[in-house]
């Protein structure tokens, strides 16, 4: 009785450039993603071979602090996975994981696949499954839109600009 949301996006940059943003600068997602207020390295997490950090800690509205730790990291295949725990995630939603992969479609074209899974436990978990699925789906959609804008233009999205202005930054 799990939750699973998968999304793909075509991004008009090289796979190496997209990988660099997603993996090499993994802890800097808060600089460009509108759904993340701030982010930084998780200094408690072991750093996998080929990675620059072992994970990240993000401040996300509605979820509080999210601690994301790599569970796999493969720079040759351009894929990674991480487990996420959140301070405000309901107790009946557990084992949240994200799997990300980048594929080259040409010199300036890449495909990104993002899959988020979670276990929803008990009756309450079953009742909130549609809500959590929708929230995960919306979060991934916003992430992909922000990433596409940032990767292709080097600028943050209007949504991220609004979020920063609201915070006075």
Protein backbone atom coordinates (compact mmCIF):
# COMPACT_ATOMS: atom_id res chain seq x y z
CA UNK A 1 0.00 0.00 0.00
CA UNK A 2 2.80 2.39 -0.96
CA UNK A 3 2.97 5.76 -2.62
CA UNK A 4 4.88 6.14 -5.88
CA UNK A 5 5.18 9.16 -8.13
CA UNK A 6 7.36 9.14 -11.26
CA UNK A 7 7.98 12.10 -13.55
CA UNK A 8 10.20 12.74 -16.54
CA UNK A 9 11.37 16.01 -18.06
CA UNK A 10 13.36 16.97 -21.11
CA UNK A 11 15.95 19.65 -20.32
CA UNK A 12 17.83 21.46 -23.08
CA UNK A 13 21.32 21.16 -21.62
CA UNK A 14 23.95 18.45 -21.78
CA UNK A 15 23.61 15.48 -19.47
CA UNK A 16 26.93 16.50 -17.88
CA UNK A 17 25.59 19.97 -17.07
CA UNK A 18 22.35 18.59 -15.64
CA UNK A 19 24.25 16.00 -13.59
CA UNK A 20 26.50 18.74 -12.23
CA UNK A 21 23.51 20.75 -10.97
CA UNK A 22 21.74 17.74 -9.48
CA UNK A 23 24.64 15.71 -8.09
CA UNK A 24 27.80 17.82 -7.79
CA UNK A 25 25.80 20.71 -6.31
CA UNK A 26 23.29 18.45 -4.52
CA UNK A 27 23.40 20.52 -1.34
CA UNK A 28 22.69 23.79 -3.21
CA UNK A 29 19.12 22.96 -4.30
CA UNK A 30 17.81 25.75 -2.05
CA UNK A 31 19.50 28.32 -4.30
CA UNK A 32 17.13 27.63 -7.21
CA UNK A 33 14.20 25.39 -6.16
CA UNK A 34 11.12 27.35 -5.12
CA UNK A 35 9.89 24.55 -2.83
CA UNK A 36 13.06 24.72 -0.72
CA UNK A 37 13.64 27.70 1.57
CA UNK A 38 17.27 26.76 2.22
CA UNK A 39 19.66 23.84 1.93
CA UNK A 40 23.11 22.82 3.01
CA UNK A 41 25.34 19.78 3.29
CA UNK A 42 24.50 17.00 5.71
CA UNK A 43 27.86 16.76 7.41
CA UNK A 44 26.83 13.65 9.37
CA UNK A 45 26.28 11.54 6.24
CA UNK A 46 29.04 9.39 4.74
CA UNK A 47 30.12 10.69 1.34
CA UNK A 48 29.76 8.05 -1.41
CA UNK A 49 32.59 7.62 -3.88
CA UNK A 50 32.25 10.24 -6.61
CA UNK A 51 29.94 12.52 -4.61
CA UNK A 52 30.79 15.92 -3.17
CA UNK A 53 28.56 15.45 -0.08
CA UNK A 54 26.82 12.57 1.68
CA UNK A 55 23.48 14.31 1.67
CA UNK A 56 21.74 17.57 2.42
CA UNK A 57 19.44 19.20 4.93
CA UNK A 58 16.65 21.30 3.47
CA UNK A 59 14.10 23.60 5.05
CA UNK A 60 10.82 22.97 3.20
CA UNK A 61 7.54 24.77 3.96
CA UNK A 62 4.98 22.34 5.36
CA UNK A 63 7.54 19.60 6.02
CA UNK A 64 10.10 21.41 8.19
CA UNK A 65 13.67 20.16 8.11
CA UNK A 66 14.21 17.37 5.60
CA UNK A 67 17.33 15.28 6.00
CA UNK A 68 18.29 13.60 2.71
CA UNK A 69 21.07 10.98 2.70
CA UNK A 70 22.43 9.20 -0.35
CA UNK A 71 21.65 5.48 -0.45
CA UNK A 72 23.24 5.01 -3.88
CA UNK A 73 25.36 7.21 -6.12
CA UNK A 74 26.64 6.29 -9.59
CA UNK A 75 28.29 9.12 -11.55
CA UNK A 76 29.04 6.81 -14.51
CA UNK A 77 25.36 5.95 -14.96
CA UNK A 78 24.34 9.44 -13.74
CA UNK A 79 21.94 8.13 -11.15
CA UNK A 80 21.49 8.43 -7.42
CA UNK A 81 18.97 7.66 -4.71
CA UNK A 82 18.45 9.15 -1.30
CA UNK A 83 16.36 8.48 1.77
CA UNK A 84 14.48 11.42 3.25
CA UNK A 85 13.21 12.05 6.74
CA UNK A 86 11.19 15.13 7.63
CA UNK A 87 10.44 16.68 10.99
CA UNK A 88 6.81 17.33 10.04
CA UNK A 89 6.06 14.20 8.03
CA UNK A 90 3.14 12.26 9.54
CA UNK A 91 4.21 9.18 11.52
CA UNK A 92 2.17 6.91 9.22
CA UNK A 93 4.27 7.94 6.19
CA UNK A 94 7.69 6.28 6.27
CA UNK A 95 10.61 5.21 4.14
CA UNK A 96 10.50 8.15 1.74
CA UNK A 97 13.03 7.64 -1.03
CA UNK A 98 13.90 9.45 -4.22
CA UNK A 99 15.57 7.95 -7.28
CA UNK A 100 16.99 10.33 -9.87
CA UNK A 101 18.62 9.56 -13.21
CA UNK A 102 19.93 11.67 -16.09
CA UNK A 103 20.18 10.39 -19.66
CA UNK A 104 21.80 12.09 -22.61
CA UNK A 105 19.54 12.66 -25.62
CA UNK A 106 22.17 14.61 -27.54
CA UNK A 107 24.82 17.30 -27.05
CA UNK A 108 22.37 19.81 -25.53
CA UNK A 109 19.41 17.66 -24.56
CA UNK A 110 18.85 15.45 -21.52
CA UNK A 111 16.08 13.45 -19.97
CA UNK A 112 15.61 13.53 -16.23
CA UNK A 113 13.62 10.89 -14.40
CA UNK A 114 12.56 11.41 -10.79
CA UNK A 115 10.73 8.75 -8.79
CA UNK A 116 9.60 9.24 -5.21
CA UNK A 117 8.29 6.37 -3.12
CA UNK A 118 7.01 6.08 0.44
CA UNK A 119 5.24 3.62 2.68
CA UNK A 120 1.89 4.67 4.09
CA UNK A 121 0.99 2.69 7.17
CA UNK A 122 -2.34 1.62 8.63
CA UNK A 123 -5.80 3.06 8.16
CA UNK A 124 -4.61 6.66 8.47
CA UNK A 125 -1.94 5.98 5.88
CA UNK A 126 -4.53 4.57 3.50
CA UNK A 127 -6.77 7.58 4.05
CA UNK A 128 -4.03 10.12 3.32
CA UNK A 129 -2.51 8.24 0.38
CA UNK A 130 -4.31 10.38 -2.24
CA UNK A 131 -3.31 13.60 -0.45
CA UNK A 132 0.33 12.55 -0.05
CA UNK A 133 0.48 11.33 -3.65
CA UNK A 134 -0.83 14.71 -4.82
CA UNK A 135 1.64 16.61 -2.59
CA UNK A 136 4.59 14.57 -3.86
CA UNK A 137 3.41 15.03 -7.46
CA UNK A 138 3.05 18.80 -7.05
CA UNK A 139 6.46 19.06 -5.37
CA UNK A 140 8.14 17.12 -8.19
CA UNK A 141 6.36 19.22 -10.86
CA UNK A 142 7.59 22.46 -9.23
CA UNK A 143 11.10 21.02 -8.82
CA UNK A 144 11.27 20.02 -12.49
CA UNK A 145 10.01 23.41 -13.68
CA UNK A 146 12.49 25.29 -11.49
CA UNK A 147 15.33 22.98 -12.55
CA UNK A 148 14.54 23.37 -16.24
CA UNK A 149 14.57 27.17 -15.97
CA UNK A 150 17.76 27.22 -13.89
CA UNK A 151 19.64 24.70 -16.05
CA UNK A 152 18.66 26.26 -19.37
CA UNK A 153 18.99 29.95 -18.46
CA UNK A 154 21.23 30.08 -15.39
CA UNK A 155 18.53 32.13 -13.67
CA UNK A 156 16.07 31.26 -10.93
CA UNK A 157 12.37 30.88 -11.69
CA UNK A 158 9.83 33.61 -11.00
CA UNK A 159 8.42 31.36 -8.25
CA UNK A 160 11.81 31.20 -6.52
CA UNK A 161 12.18 34.98 -6.96
CA UNK A 162 8.81 35.49 -5.30
CA UNK A 163 9.74 33.15 -2.44
CA UNK A 164 13.00 35.02 -1.85
CA UNK A 165 11.25 38.39 -1.96
CA UNK A 166 8.69 37.17 0.56
CA UNK A 167 11.57 36.22 2.89
CA UNK A 168 13.22 39.61 2.32
CA UNK A 169 16.23 38.13 0.48
